[in-house]
Amino acid sequence: MANLGYAQWKAAPGVWRLGIRPGKGADVFELESTGADGWKSGSVATTGDSFVVSTLEGLTLYPRFYRKPGHELTELLDESAAAGAAGKRESGGGVVEKLKSMCALLSLLLRPRMRRS
């Protein structure tokens, strides 16, 4: 769930398993359903965590997750990463800001130097 939303994978036909990778996400969330049969798919306890891709047309999954008890308010994003992202948004970070800083540096380097007499 590193992307916090939509995901698309290329997968050959066959039997696949869906799960949460080990780490903070697995500590906070539990897979309730793979969603291979739509929104009303059975729980992992009854249907398992496997699903079948039977055609080259693919399969749309509607997985459901729930937060484990005691983790209702736990944040998955690292606080320092979230603060860094917020700082970039506030400063307008990105390509434009990098170009502006490079242009300022170039103008300093190309400026005629004053000669001392």
Protein backbone atom coordinates (compact mmCIF):
# COMPACT_ATOMS: atom_id res chain seq x y z
CA MET A 1 0.00 0.00 0.00
CA ALA A 2 2.95 2.22 -0.55
CA ASN A 3 1.06 4.08 -3.26
CA LEU A 4 -1.95 4.79 -1.02
CA GLY A 5 -4.48 4.02 -3.72
CA TYR A 6 -4.78 2.69 -7.25
CA ALA A 7 -2.30 0.13 -8.54
CA GLN A 8 -1.96 -1.76 -11.80
CA TRP A 9 0.25 -4.76 -12.45
CA LYS A 10 1.07 -6.84 -15.48
CA ALA A 11 0.40 -10.45 -14.57
CA ALA A 12 0.38 -13.58 -16.65
CA PRO A 13 -2.61 -15.91 -16.31
CA GLY A 14 -2.34 -18.18 -13.31
CA VAL A 15 -2.99 -18.39 -9.59
CA TRP A 16 -1.79 -15.41 -7.57
CA ARG A 17 -1.79 -14.52 -3.87
CA LEU A 18 -2.56 -11.07 -2.50
CA GLY A 19 -1.11 -9.91 0.79
CA ILE A 20 0.42 -7.00 2.64
CA ARG A 21 4.19 -6.85 2.49
CA PRO A 22 5.98 -7.17 5.83
CA GLY A 23 6.57 -3.90 7.63
CA LYS A 24 4.55 -1.09 9.12
CA GLY A 25 1.61 -1.67 6.76
CA ALA A 26 1.27 -5.29 7.90
CA ASP A 27 1.46 -4.15 11.53
CA VAL A 28 -1.44 -1.72 11.03
CA PHE A 29 -3.69 -3.38 8.42
CA GLU A 30 -5.20 -6.80 7.85
CA LEU A 31 -6.48 -8.07 4.47
CA GLU A 32 -10.21 -8.66 4.80
CA SER A 33 -10.93 -9.77 1.21
CA THR A 34 -9.03 -10.09 -2.07
CA GLY A 35 -12.05 -8.73 -3.92
CA ALA A 36 -11.64 -11.14 -6.82
CA ASP A 37 -15.42 -11.55 -7.04
CA GLY A 38 -16.25 -7.87 -6.80
CA TRP A 39 -17.21 -5.71 -3.83
CA LYS A 40 -19.13 -8.51 -2.16
CA SER A 41 -16.29 -11.07 -2.22
CA GLY A 42 -15.98 -13.40 0.73
CA SER A 43 -13.48 -12.83 3.50
CA VAL A 44 -9.93 -14.17 3.39
CA ALA A 45 -10.89 -16.54 6.20
CA THR A 46 -13.43 -18.28 3.92
CA THR A 47 -12.06 -17.81 0.38
CA GLY A 48 -8.31 -17.51 1.04
CA ASP A 49 -5.86 -14.93 -0.26
CA SER A 50 -5.49 -16.49 -3.74
CA PHE A 51 -7.18 -15.43 -6.96
CA VAL A 52 -7.06 -16.65 -10.55
CA VAL A 53 -6.20 -14.59 -13.61
CA SER A 54 -7.69 -16.79 -16.33
CA THR A 55 -7.49 -14.59 -19.43
CA LEU A 56 -5.15 -12.09 -20.99
CA GLU A 57 -7.86 -9.45 -20.51
CA GLY A 58 -6.95 -9.25 -16.84
CA LEU A 59 -8.94 -9.08 -13.66
CA THR A 60 -10.13 -6.19 -11.53
CA LEU A 61 -9.71 -6.72 -7.80
CA TYR A 62 -11.56 -4.86 -5.09
CA PRO A 63 -9.51 -5.70 -2.01
CA ARG A 64 -10.78 -4.70 1.41
CA PHE A 65 -8.53 -3.95 4.36
CA TYR A 66 -9.25 -3.10 7.95
CA ARG A 67 -7.15 -1.55 10.67
CA LYS A 68 -6.09 -3.85 13.47
CA PRO A 69 -7.41 -2.99 16.93
CA GLY A 70 -5.26 -0.37 18.62
CA HIS A 71 -4.06 1.11 15.30
CA GLU A 72 -7.07 3.26 14.47
CA LEU A 73 -4.98 6.45 14.52
CA THR A 74 -1.62 5.04 13.42
CA GLU A 75 -0.09 6.89 10.46
CA LEU A 76 1.73 4.86 7.82
CA LEU A 77 3.71 7.72 6.34
CA ASP A 78 6.98 8.53 8.07
CA GLU A 79 6.65 11.87 9.84
CA SER A 80 9.94 13.15 8.42
CA ALA A 81 8.90 12.16 4.89
CA ALA A 82 5.51 13.80 5.35
CA ALA A 83 7.19 16.97 6.65
CA GLY A 84 9.57 16.95 3.69
CA ALA A 85 6.70 16.60 1.25
CA ALA A 86 4.84 19.44 2.96
CA GLY A 87 7.96 21.61 2.81
CA LYS A 88 8.33 20.96 -0.91
CA ARG A 89 4.71 21.93 -1.49
CA GLU A 90 5.12 25.12 0.49
CA SER A 91 8.35 26.16 -1.21
CA GLY A 92 7.11 25.17 -4.66
CA GLY A 93 9.87 22.57 -4.86
CA GLY A 94 10.45 20.71 -8.03
CA VAL A 95 11.89 21.31 -11.45
CA VAL A 96 10.95 25.00 -11.63
CA GLU A 97 12.63 25.81 -8.31
CA LYS A 98 15.75 23.87 -9.31
CA LEU A 99 15.94 25.77 -12.60
CA LYS A 100 15.53 29.09 -10.81
CA SER A 101 18.33 28.29 -8.39
CA MET A 102 20.57 27.12 -11.26
CA CYS A 103 19.88 30.33 -13.21
CA ALA A 104 20.72 32.42 -10.17
CA LEU A 105 23.99 30.52 -9.75
CA LEU A 106 24.84 30.92 -13.44
CA SER A 107 24.16 34.65 -13.33
CA LEU A 108 26.55 34.96 -10.38
CA LEU A 109 29.23 32.98 -12.20
CA LEU A 110 28.87 34.86 -15.48
CA ARG A 111 28.65 38.34 -13.96
CA PRO A 112 31.66 40.46 -14.86
CA ARG A 113 33.96 40.67 -11.89
CA MET A 114 34.99 44.02 -10.59
CA ARG A 115 38.71 44.61 -10.89
CA ARG A 116 40.59 45.99 -7.98
CA SER A 117 42.82 48.92 -8.72
